[in-house]
């Protein structure tokens, strides 16, 4: 009986350890916050059914797929302002409208999130203060990274609203409700 109870306790502990902490990364500086929003964006993209990627709340408003591609392309563009070049396969701004398949969108999203993560991990404190120009305005590399994370979170909110309008509960909310 003791062995059975011990096995049950260990199984429960293992199951609990495998659950994703919905607050992982929060309050851990830029890199932690970036991991957090990146995880949520990918989880949400994976949770939304492929047939909902073309859904839009109204005519003229970005669809689900367009929002995810907008995030990915903006990550690459804003990062390019800090130095790393745009990937050669970023062909045009129209990719937001022409890349519509869920697996391809998730691939672009993950790639852009990883590009930001890697670039930020390798930047020096001094380089964060380097001056850059964006849209004819002065900024710093640090300011560009702030813009990247704010932009990702802004559209995360939009995508959560889209998901809920389609009866989809964001995975981290579903986990917290258990």
N, C-alpha and C. Protein backbone atom coordinates (compact mmCIF):
# COMPACT_ATOMS: atom_id res chain seq x y z
N UNK A 1 0.82 -1.19 0.00
CA UNK A 1 0.00 0.00 0.00
C UNK A 1 0.87 1.25 0.00
N UNK A 2 1.94 1.23 0.83
CA UNK A 2 2.84 2.38 0.88
C UNK A 2 3.49 2.61 -0.48
N UNK A 3 3.86 1.53 -1.16
CA UNK A 3 4.48 1.63 -2.48
C UNK A 3 3.51 2.25 -3.47
N UNK A 4 2.25 1.82 -3.39
CA UNK A 4 1.22 2.36 -4.28
C UNK A 4 1.04 3.85 -4.06
N UNK A 5 0.93 4.28 -2.81
CA UNK A 5 0.75 5.70 -2.49
C UNK A 5 1.97 6.52 -2.90
N UNK A 6 3.16 5.96 -2.69
CA UNK A 6 4.37 6.66 -3.10
C UNK A 6 4.41 6.81 -4.63
N UNK A 7 4.04 5.76 -5.35
CA UNK A 7 4.02 5.81 -6.81
C UNK A 7 2.99 6.83 -7.29
N UNK A 8 1.84 6.89 -6.64
CA UNK A 8 0.80 7.85 -6.99
C UNK A 8 1.28 9.28 -6.74
N UNK A 9 1.92 9.51 -5.62
CA UNK A 9 2.45 10.83 -5.28
C UNK A 9 3.53 11.25 -6.29
N UNK A 10 4.43 10.35 -6.62
CA UNK A 10 5.48 10.66 -7.59
C UNK A 10 4.91 10.94 -8.97
N UNK A 11 3.89 10.19 -9.37
CA UNK A 11 3.24 10.42 -10.66
C UNK A 11 2.58 11.80 -10.69
N UNK A 12 1.92 12.17 -9.60
CA UNK A 12 1.28 13.49 -9.51
C UNK A 12 2.31 14.60 -9.57
N UNK A 13 3.43 14.40 -8.88
CA UNK A 13 4.50 15.41 -8.89
C UNK A 13 5.10 15.54 -10.29
N UNK A 14 5.29 14.43 -10.97
CA UNK A 14 5.84 14.46 -12.33
C UNK A 14 4.89 15.16 -13.28
N UNK A 15 3.60 14.89 -13.15
CA UNK A 15 2.60 15.54 -14.02
C UNK A 15 2.58 17.04 -13.76
N UNK A 16 2.68 17.43 -12.51
CA UNK A 16 2.68 18.86 -12.14
C UNK A 16 3.94 19.54 -12.69
N UNK A 17 5.06 18.86 -12.62
CA UNK A 17 6.33 19.43 -13.10
C UNK A 17 6.31 19.64 -14.61
N UNK A 18 5.53 18.84 -15.34
CA UNK A 18 5.48 18.96 -16.79
C UNK A 18 4.57 20.09 -17.25
N UNK A 19 3.70 20.60 -16.38
CA UNK A 19 2.82 21.69 -16.76
C UNK A 19 3.65 22.95 -16.95
N UNK A 20 3.28 23.74 -17.93
CA UNK A 20 3.98 24.99 -18.20
C UNK A 20 3.49 26.04 -17.21
N UNK A 21 4.41 26.71 -16.59
CA UNK A 21 4.09 27.80 -15.68
C UNK A 21 3.60 28.98 -16.52
N UNK A 22 2.34 29.41 -16.36
CA UNK A 22 1.83 30.50 -17.19
C UNK A 22 2.55 31.83 -16.93
N UNK A 23 3.31 31.92 -15.84
CA UNK A 23 4.03 33.15 -15.52
C UNK A 23 5.52 33.06 -15.82
N UNK A 24 5.95 31.94 -16.44
CA UNK A 24 7.37 31.77 -16.75
C UNK A 24 7.87 32.95 -17.59
N UNK A 25 8.94 33.56 -17.14
CA UNK A 25 9.54 34.67 -17.86
C UNK A 25 9.12 36.03 -17.35
N UNK A 26 7.92 36.11 -16.75
CA UNK A 26 7.46 37.40 -16.26
C UNK A 26 8.39 37.91 -15.17
N UNK A 27 8.61 39.18 -15.15
CA UNK A 27 9.43 39.86 -14.16
C UNK A 27 10.89 39.43 -14.22
N UNK A 28 11.33 38.88 -15.35
CA UNK A 28 12.72 38.42 -15.49
C UNK A 28 13.45 39.22 -16.56
N UNK A 29 13.15 40.49 -16.65
CA UNK A 29 13.84 41.34 -17.60
C UNK A 29 13.42 41.07 -19.03
N UNK A 30 14.11 41.71 -19.96
CA UNK A 30 13.73 41.62 -21.37
C UNK A 30 13.72 40.18 -21.86
N UNK A 31 14.78 39.43 -21.60
CA UNK A 31 14.87 38.07 -22.14
C UNK A 31 13.75 37.18 -21.59
N UNK A 32 13.44 37.31 -20.31
CA UNK A 32 12.35 36.52 -19.73
C UNK A 32 11.00 36.91 -20.31
N UNK A 33 10.78 38.21 -20.44
CA UNK A 33 9.52 38.68 -21.02
C UNK A 33 9.40 38.25 -22.48
N UNK A 34 10.54 38.26 -23.21
CA UNK A 34 10.50 37.83 -24.61
C UNK A 34 10.17 36.34 -24.70
N UNK A 35 10.76 35.53 -23.82
CA UNK A 35 10.42 34.09 -23.81
C UNK A 35 8.93 33.90 -23.53
N UNK A 36 8.40 34.70 -22.61
CA UNK A 36 7.00 34.59 -22.23
C UNK A 36 6.07 34.91 -23.41
N UNK A 37 6.24 36.05 -24.03
CA UNK A 37 5.36 36.42 -25.14
C UNK A 37 5.57 35.50 -26.34
N UNK A 38 6.80 35.05 -26.54
CA UNK A 38 7.08 34.13 -27.65
C UNK A 38 6.33 32.81 -27.45
N UNK A 39 6.41 32.28 -26.23
CA UNK A 39 5.72 31.02 -25.92
C UNK A 39 4.22 31.18 -26.12
N UNK A 40 3.67 32.29 -25.64
CA UNK A 40 2.23 32.50 -25.77
C UNK A 40 1.82 32.64 -27.24
N UNK A 41 2.59 33.36 -28.03
CA UNK A 41 2.25 33.53 -29.44
C UNK A 41 2.24 32.19 -30.17
N UNK A 42 3.26 31.37 -29.92
CA UNK A 42 3.33 30.07 -30.58
C UNK A 42 2.21 29.16 -30.09
N UNK A 43 1.97 29.13 -28.79
CA UNK A 43 0.89 28.29 -28.25
C UNK A 43 -0.46 28.69 -28.84
N UNK A 44 -0.70 29.99 -28.96
CA UNK A 44 -1.97 30.45 -29.51
C UNK A 44 -2.08 30.11 -30.99
N UNK A 45 -1.00 30.30 -31.74
CA UNK A 45 -1.02 29.95 -33.16
C UNK A 45 -1.31 28.46 -33.34
N UNK A 46 -0.71 27.65 -32.50
CA UNK A 46 -0.94 26.20 -32.60
C UNK A 46 -2.34 25.81 -32.15
N UNK A 47 -2.95 26.57 -31.25
CA UNK A 47 -4.28 26.24 -30.73
C UNK A 47 -5.41 26.65 -31.68
N UNK A 48 -5.16 27.64 -32.50
CA UNK A 48 -6.21 28.11 -33.42
C UNK A 48 -6.28 27.14 -34.60
N UNK A 49 -7.46 26.60 -34.87
CA UNK A 49 -7.59 25.67 -36.00
C UNK A 49 -7.23 26.35 -37.33
N UNK A 50 -6.68 25.56 -38.25
CA UNK A 50 -6.25 26.08 -39.55
C UNK A 50 -7.39 26.77 -40.28
N UNK A 51 -8.61 26.26 -40.13
CA UNK A 51 -9.74 26.87 -40.86
C UNK A 51 -10.13 28.23 -40.29
N UNK A 52 -9.58 28.63 -39.16
CA UNK A 52 -9.85 29.95 -38.57
C UNK A 52 -8.77 30.97 -38.91
N UNK A 53 -7.70 30.55 -39.58
CA UNK A 53 -6.63 31.48 -39.90
C UNK A 53 -7.08 32.54 -40.91
N UNK A 54 -8.11 32.29 -41.67
CA UNK A 54 -8.63 33.28 -42.61
C UNK A 54 -9.70 34.17 -42.00
N UNK A 55 -10.09 33.90 -40.74
CA UNK A 55 -11.15 34.67 -40.08
C UNK A 55 -10.67 36.08 -39.79
N UNK A 56 -11.58 37.03 -39.99
CA UNK A 56 -11.32 38.43 -39.63
C UNK A 56 -12.60 38.99 -38.99
N UNK A 57 -12.48 39.89 -38.03
CA UNK A 57 -13.66 40.39 -37.32
C UNK A 57 -14.56 41.28 -38.17
N UNK A 58 -14.00 41.86 -39.22
CA UNK A 58 -14.78 42.74 -40.10
C UNK A 58 -13.99 42.95 -41.39
N UNK A 59 -14.68 43.33 -42.46
CA UNK A 59 -13.96 43.61 -43.71
C UNK A 59 -12.90 44.70 -43.49
N UNK A 60 -11.75 44.52 -44.11
CA UNK A 60 -10.69 45.52 -44.02
C UNK A 60 -9.82 45.42 -42.77
N UNK A 61 -10.15 44.49 -41.87
CA UNK A 61 -9.37 44.29 -40.66
C UNK A 61 -8.52 43.04 -40.88
N UNK A 62 -7.29 43.05 -40.36
CA UNK A 62 -6.41 41.89 -40.55
C UNK A 62 -7.06 40.59 -40.08
N UNK A 63 -6.82 39.54 -40.86
CA UNK A 63 -7.26 38.20 -40.47
C UNK A 63 -6.28 37.63 -39.45
N UNK A 64 -6.62 36.48 -38.89
CA UNK A 64 -5.74 35.79 -37.95
C UNK A 64 -4.37 35.58 -38.60
N UNK A 65 -4.34 35.02 -39.81
CA UNK A 65 -3.05 34.76 -40.47
C UNK A 65 -2.29 36.05 -40.73
N UNK A 66 -3.00 37.10 -41.11
CA UNK A 66 -2.34 38.38 -41.39
C UNK A 66 -1.71 38.97 -40.13
N UNK A 67 -2.37 38.81 -38.99
CA UNK A 67 -1.80 39.32 -37.74
C UNK A 67 -0.53 38.56 -37.38
N UNK A 68 -0.58 37.23 -37.47
CA UNK A 68 0.63 36.45 -37.16
C UNK A 68 1.77 36.81 -38.12
N UNK A 69 1.48 36.94 -39.40
CA UNK A 69 2.54 37.30 -40.36
C UNK A 69 3.01 38.73 -40.14
N UNK A 70 2.10 39.61 -39.75
CA UNK A 70 2.49 41.00 -39.44
C UNK A 70 3.50 41.01 -38.29
N UNK A 71 3.25 40.22 -37.28
CA UNK A 71 4.18 40.14 -36.14
C UNK A 71 5.54 39.63 -36.63
N UNK A 72 5.54 38.53 -37.38
CA UNK A 72 6.79 37.95 -37.86
C UNK A 72 7.58 38.93 -38.72
N UNK A 73 6.92 39.55 -39.66
CA UNK A 73 7.61 40.49 -40.56
C UNK A 73 8.08 41.73 -39.81
N UNK A 74 7.27 42.22 -38.88
CA UNK A 74 7.68 43.38 -38.08
C UNK A 74 8.89 43.03 -37.21
N UNK A 75 8.92 41.82 -36.65
CA UNK A 75 10.08 41.41 -35.86
C UNK A 75 11.34 41.50 -36.71
N UNK A 76 11.29 40.95 -37.91
CA UNK A 76 12.46 40.98 -38.79
C UNK A 76 12.81 42.42 -39.19
N UNK A 77 11.81 43.23 -39.53
CA UNK A 77 12.09 44.61 -39.95
C UNK A 77 12.68 45.42 -38.80
N UNK A 78 12.02 45.41 -37.65
CA UNK A 78 12.50 46.21 -36.52
C UNK A 78 13.89 45.75 -36.08
N UNK A 79 14.12 44.44 -36.11
CA UNK A 79 15.44 43.91 -35.79
C UNK A 79 16.47 44.40 -36.80
N UNK A 80 16.10 44.49 -38.07
CA UNK A 80 17.04 44.94 -39.11
C UNK A 80 17.50 46.37 -38.87
N UNK A 81 16.66 47.17 -38.23
CA UNK A 81 17.06 48.55 -37.91
C UNK A 81 18.25 48.54 -36.95
N UNK A 82 18.36 47.50 -36.13
CA UNK A 82 19.45 47.41 -35.15
C UNK A 82 20.73 46.84 -35.74
N UNK A 83 20.66 46.28 -36.97
CA UNK A 83 21.86 45.75 -37.59
C UNK A 83 21.71 44.48 -38.40
N UNK A 84 21.11 43.42 -37.82
CA UNK A 84 20.98 42.18 -38.60
C UNK A 84 20.14 42.42 -39.86
N UNK A 85 20.59 41.89 -40.99
CA UNK A 85 19.83 42.13 -42.24
C UNK A 85 18.52 41.35 -42.25
N UNK A 86 17.59 41.84 -43.04
CA UNK A 86 16.35 41.09 -43.27
C UNK A 86 16.71 39.75 -43.91
N UNK A 87 16.02 38.69 -43.58
CA UNK A 87 16.27 37.41 -44.26
C UNK A 87 16.04 37.57 -45.77
N UNK A 88 16.83 36.88 -46.55
CA UNK A 88 16.74 36.98 -48.01
C UNK A 88 15.37 36.56 -48.53
N UNK A 89 14.69 35.67 -47.81
CA UNK A 89 13.39 35.20 -48.29
C UNK A 89 12.22 36.07 -47.85
N UNK A 90 12.49 37.21 -47.22
CA UNK A 90 11.44 38.20 -47.00
C UNK A 90 11.36 38.99 -48.30
N UNK A 91 10.38 38.63 -49.09
CA UNK A 91 10.28 39.14 -50.46
C UNK A 91 9.58 40.49 -50.56
N UNK A 92 8.52 40.66 -49.77
CA UNK A 92 7.75 41.90 -49.87
C UNK A 92 6.86 42.06 -48.65
N UNK A 93 6.32 43.25 -48.51
CA UNK A 93 5.37 43.50 -47.43
C UNK A 93 4.06 42.74 -47.68
N UNK A 94 3.81 42.35 -48.91
CA UNK A 94 2.58 41.61 -49.24
C UNK A 94 2.57 40.21 -48.66
N UNK A 95 3.68 39.75 -48.11
CA UNK A 95 3.72 38.41 -47.52
C UNK A 95 2.68 38.26 -46.42
N UNK A 96 2.32 39.38 -45.82
CA UNK A 96 1.29 39.37 -44.78
C UNK A 96 -0.02 38.81 -45.35
N UNK A 97 -0.26 39.08 -46.62
CA UNK A 97 -1.49 38.63 -47.27
C UNK A 97 -1.30 37.35 -48.09
N UNK A 98 -0.08 37.05 -48.50
CA UNK A 98 0.13 35.91 -49.39
C UNK A 98 0.53 34.62 -48.66
N UNK A 99 1.08 34.74 -47.47
CA UNK A 99 1.42 33.55 -46.68
C UNK A 99 0.21 33.28 -45.78
N UNK A 100 -0.53 32.23 -46.08
CA UNK A 100 -1.79 31.99 -45.36
C UNK A 100 -1.91 30.61 -44.74
N UNK A 101 -1.03 29.69 -45.06
CA UNK A 101 -1.12 28.33 -44.51
C UNK A 101 -0.58 28.30 -43.07
N UNK A 102 -1.34 27.70 -42.18
CA UNK A 102 -0.97 27.65 -40.76
C UNK A 102 0.45 27.15 -40.54
N UNK A 103 0.86 26.01 -41.12
CA UNK A 103 2.23 25.53 -40.83
C UNK A 103 3.31 26.53 -41.28
N UNK A 104 3.10 27.17 -42.41
CA UNK A 104 4.08 28.13 -42.91
C UNK A 104 4.12 29.38 -42.02
N UNK A 105 2.96 29.81 -41.57
CA UNK A 105 2.88 30.98 -40.68
C UNK A 105 3.59 30.70 -39.37
N UNK A 106 3.35 29.52 -38.81
CA UNK A 106 4.01 29.16 -37.54
C UNK A 106 5.52 29.09 -37.74
N UNK A 107 5.95 28.59 -38.88
CA UNK A 107 7.39 28.54 -39.17
C UNK A 107 7.98 29.95 -39.21
N UNK A 108 7.33 30.87 -39.91
CA UNK A 108 7.80 32.26 -39.95
C UNK A 108 7.80 32.89 -38.57
N UNK A 109 6.71 32.67 -37.82
CA UNK A 109 6.60 33.24 -36.49
C UNK A 109 7.74 32.77 -35.60
N UNK A 110 7.93 31.45 -35.52
CA UNK A 110 9.00 30.89 -34.68
C UNK A 110 10.36 31.42 -35.10
N UNK A 111 10.58 31.48 -36.39
CA UNK A 111 11.87 31.96 -36.91
C UNK A 111 12.12 33.42 -36.50
N UNK A 112 11.09 34.25 -36.59
CA UNK A 112 11.26 35.66 -36.22
C UNK A 112 11.47 35.83 -34.72
N UNK A 113 10.76 35.05 -33.93
CA UNK A 113 10.91 35.12 -32.47
C UNK A 113 12.31 34.69 -32.06
N UNK A 114 12.80 33.64 -32.69
CA UNK A 114 14.15 33.15 -32.39
C UNK A 114 15.21 34.16 -32.84
N UNK A 115 14.98 34.83 -33.96
CA UNK A 115 15.93 35.84 -34.44
C UNK A 115 16.08 36.97 -33.43
N UNK A 116 14.96 37.43 -32.88
CA UNK A 116 15.01 38.50 -31.87
C UNK A 116 15.72 37.99 -30.62
N UNK A 117 15.34 36.80 -30.17
CA UNK A 117 15.95 36.22 -28.96
C UNK A 117 17.46 36.10 -29.11
N UNK A 118 17.92 35.55 -30.23
CA UNK A 118 19.35 35.35 -30.46
C UNK A 118 20.10 36.67 -30.57
N UNK A 119 19.54 37.60 -31.31
CA UNK A 119 20.21 38.90 -31.47
C UNK A 119 20.33 39.61 -30.13
N UNK A 120 19.27 39.58 -29.33
CA UNK A 120 19.31 40.27 -28.04
C UNK A 120 20.29 39.59 -27.09
N UNK A 121 20.37 38.27 -27.15
CA UNK A 121 21.28 37.53 -26.27
C UNK A 121 22.74 37.86 -26.57
N UNK A 122 23.02 38.27 -27.79
CA UNK A 122 24.41 38.52 -28.19
C UNK A 122 24.78 40.00 -28.25
N UNK A 123 23.90 40.86 -27.80
CA UNK A 123 24.18 42.29 -27.87
C UNK A 123 24.89 42.76 -26.60
N UNK A 124 25.75 43.73 -26.74
CA UNK A 124 26.46 44.28 -25.58
C UNK A 124 25.67 45.42 -24.98
N UNK A 125 25.93 45.69 -23.74
CA UNK A 125 25.27 46.80 -23.06
C UNK A 125 25.57 48.12 -23.78
N UNK A 126 26.81 48.28 -24.21
CA UNK A 126 27.18 49.51 -24.92
C UNK A 126 26.43 49.63 -26.25
N UNK A 127 26.25 48.50 -26.94
CA UNK A 127 25.57 48.55 -28.24
C UNK A 127 24.09 48.91 -28.09
N UNK A 128 23.51 48.64 -26.95
CA UNK A 128 22.10 49.00 -26.73
C UNK A 128 21.89 50.51 -26.82
N UNK A 129 22.94 51.28 -26.51
CA UNK A 129 22.82 52.74 -26.55
C UNK A 129 23.16 53.34 -27.93
N UNK A 130 23.56 52.48 -28.86
CA UNK A 130 23.90 52.94 -30.21
C UNK A 130 22.69 53.61 -30.85
N UNK A 131 22.95 54.72 -31.54
CA UNK A 131 21.89 55.47 -32.23
C UNK A 131 21.57 54.81 -33.56
N UNK A 132 20.28 54.77 -33.88
CA UNK A 132 19.80 54.25 -35.16
C UNK A 132 18.72 55.19 -35.68
N UNK A 133 18.41 55.05 -36.95
CA UNK A 133 17.32 55.82 -37.57
C UNK A 133 16.22 54.85 -37.95
N UNK A 134 15.00 55.21 -37.65
CA UNK A 134 13.85 54.41 -38.05
C UNK A 134 12.74 55.36 -38.50
N UNK A 135 12.29 55.16 -39.71
CA UNK A 135 11.25 56.02 -40.27
C UNK A 135 11.60 57.51 -40.14
N UNK A 136 12.87 57.82 -40.37
CA UNK A 136 13.32 59.21 -40.31
C UNK A 136 13.47 59.78 -38.92
N UNK A 137 13.37 58.95 -37.91
CA UNK A 137 13.48 59.43 -36.53
C UNK A 137 14.67 58.79 -35.84
N UNK A 138 15.21 59.50 -34.86
CA UNK A 138 16.31 58.99 -34.06
C UNK A 138 15.77 58.02 -33.01
N UNK A 139 16.51 56.96 -32.79
CA UNK A 139 16.17 55.98 -31.75
C UNK A 139 17.47 55.34 -31.29
N UNK A 140 17.36 54.45 -30.33
CA UNK A 140 18.51 53.65 -29.89
C UNK A 140 18.17 52.18 -30.16
N UNK A 141 19.19 51.36 -30.16
CA UNK A 141 18.99 49.92 -30.30
C UNK A 141 18.09 49.43 -29.17
N UNK A 142 18.34 49.91 -27.95
CA UNK A 142 17.51 49.53 -26.81
C UNK A 142 16.05 49.91 -27.05
N UNK A 143 15.82 51.08 -27.60
CA UNK A 143 14.47 51.51 -27.92
C UNK A 143 13.81 50.63 -28.96
N UNK A 144 14.61 50.14 -29.90
CA UNK A 144 14.06 49.24 -30.92
C UNK A 144 13.63 47.91 -30.30
N UNK A 145 14.44 47.40 -29.38
CA UNK A 145 14.05 46.15 -28.71
C UNK A 145 12.79 46.35 -27.87
N UNK A 146 12.67 47.51 -27.26
CA UNK A 146 11.45 47.82 -26.51
C UNK A 146 10.26 47.84 -27.46
N UNK A 147 10.42 48.46 -28.62
CA UNK A 147 9.34 48.52 -29.60
C UNK A 147 8.95 47.11 -30.06
N UNK A 148 9.94 46.24 -30.27
CA UNK A 148 9.66 44.87 -30.72
C UNK A 148 8.79 44.14 -29.71
N UNK A 149 9.14 44.23 -28.43
CA UNK A 149 8.37 43.48 -27.42
C UNK A 149 7.00 44.10 -27.19
N UNK A 150 6.91 45.42 -27.23
CA UNK A 150 5.61 46.08 -27.07
C UNK A 150 4.70 45.71 -28.24
N UNK A 151 5.25 45.72 -29.44
CA UNK A 151 4.49 45.38 -30.64
C UNK A 151 3.97 43.94 -30.55
N UNK A 152 4.81 43.02 -30.14
CA UNK A 152 4.40 41.62 -30.02
C UNK A 152 3.26 41.47 -29.01
N UNK A 153 3.37 42.16 -27.88
CA UNK A 153 2.33 42.08 -26.86
C UNK A 153 1.04 42.77 -27.30
N UNK A 154 1.17 43.86 -28.04
CA UNK A 154 -0.01 44.56 -28.56
C UNK A 154 -0.84 43.60 -29.43
N UNK A 155 -0.17 42.92 -30.34
CA UNK A 155 -0.89 42.02 -31.23
C UNK A 155 -1.27 40.70 -30.54
N UNK A 156 -0.59 40.35 -29.47
CA UNK A 156 -1.02 39.20 -28.67
C UNK A 156 -2.42 39.47 -28.15
N UNK A 157 -2.65 40.67 -27.63
CA UNK A 157 -3.98 41.03 -27.14
C UNK A 157 -5.03 40.94 -28.24
N UNK A 158 -4.68 41.41 -29.42
CA UNK A 158 -5.58 41.33 -30.56
C UNK A 158 -5.91 39.87 -30.88
N UNK A 159 -4.89 39.01 -30.89
CA UNK A 159 -5.10 37.60 -31.21
C UNK A 159 -5.89 36.87 -30.13
N UNK A 160 -5.71 37.24 -28.88
CA UNK A 160 -6.52 36.65 -27.81
C UNK A 160 -7.98 37.00 -28.03
N UNK A 161 -8.25 38.26 -28.39
CA UNK A 161 -9.64 38.67 -28.67
C UNK A 161 -10.19 37.88 -29.86
N UNK A 162 -9.40 37.74 -30.92
CA UNK A 162 -9.83 36.96 -32.08
C UNK A 162 -10.15 35.53 -31.67
N UNK A 163 -9.25 34.93 -30.89
CA UNK A 163 -9.46 33.54 -30.47
C UNK A 163 -10.76 33.42 -29.67
N UNK A 164 -10.95 34.27 -28.71
CA UNK A 164 -12.13 34.18 -27.85
C UNK A 164 -13.41 34.43 -28.65
N UNK A 165 -13.35 35.30 -29.66
CA UNK A 165 -14.51 35.53 -30.51
C UNK A 165 -14.87 34.28 -31.30
N UNK A 166 -13.91 33.38 -31.45
CA UNK A 166 -14.13 32.12 -32.16
C UNK A 166 -14.27 30.93 -31.21
N UNK A 167 -14.47 31.21 -29.93
CA UNK A 167 -14.68 30.14 -28.95
C UNK A 167 -13.42 29.38 -28.56
N UNK A 168 -12.25 29.98 -28.82
CA UNK A 168 -10.98 29.33 -28.50
C UNK A 168 -10.41 29.97 -27.24
N UNK A 169 -10.15 29.15 -26.24
CA UNK A 169 -9.56 29.64 -25.00
C UNK A 169 -8.04 29.56 -25.15
N UNK A 170 -7.33 30.66 -24.90
CA UNK A 170 -5.86 30.59 -24.98
C UNK A 170 -5.34 29.49 -24.06
N UNK A 171 -4.38 28.70 -24.54
CA UNK A 171 -3.90 27.55 -23.76
C UNK A 171 -3.47 27.87 -22.34
N UNK A 172 -2.83 29.00 -22.12
CA UNK A 172 -2.37 29.34 -20.76
C UNK A 172 -3.55 29.69 -19.86
N UNK A 173 -4.64 30.21 -20.42
CA UNK A 173 -5.85 30.46 -19.62
C UNK A 173 -6.53 29.15 -19.28
N UNK A 174 -6.57 28.23 -20.21
CA UNK A 174 -7.17 26.91 -19.96
C UNK A 174 -6.41 26.17 -18.88
N UNK A 175 -5.06 26.28 -18.89
CA UNK A 175 -4.24 25.62 -17.87
C UNK A 175 -4.49 26.22 -16.50
N UNK A 176 -4.61 27.54 -16.44
CA UNK A 176 -4.80 28.22 -15.16
C UNK A 176 -6.16 27.89 -14.55
N UNK A 177 -7.15 27.59 -15.42
CA UNK A 177 -8.50 27.29 -14.95
C UNK A 177 -8.61 25.89 -14.36
N UNK A 178 -7.64 25.04 -14.65
CA UNK A 178 -7.71 23.66 -14.13
C UNK A 178 -7.44 23.56 -12.67
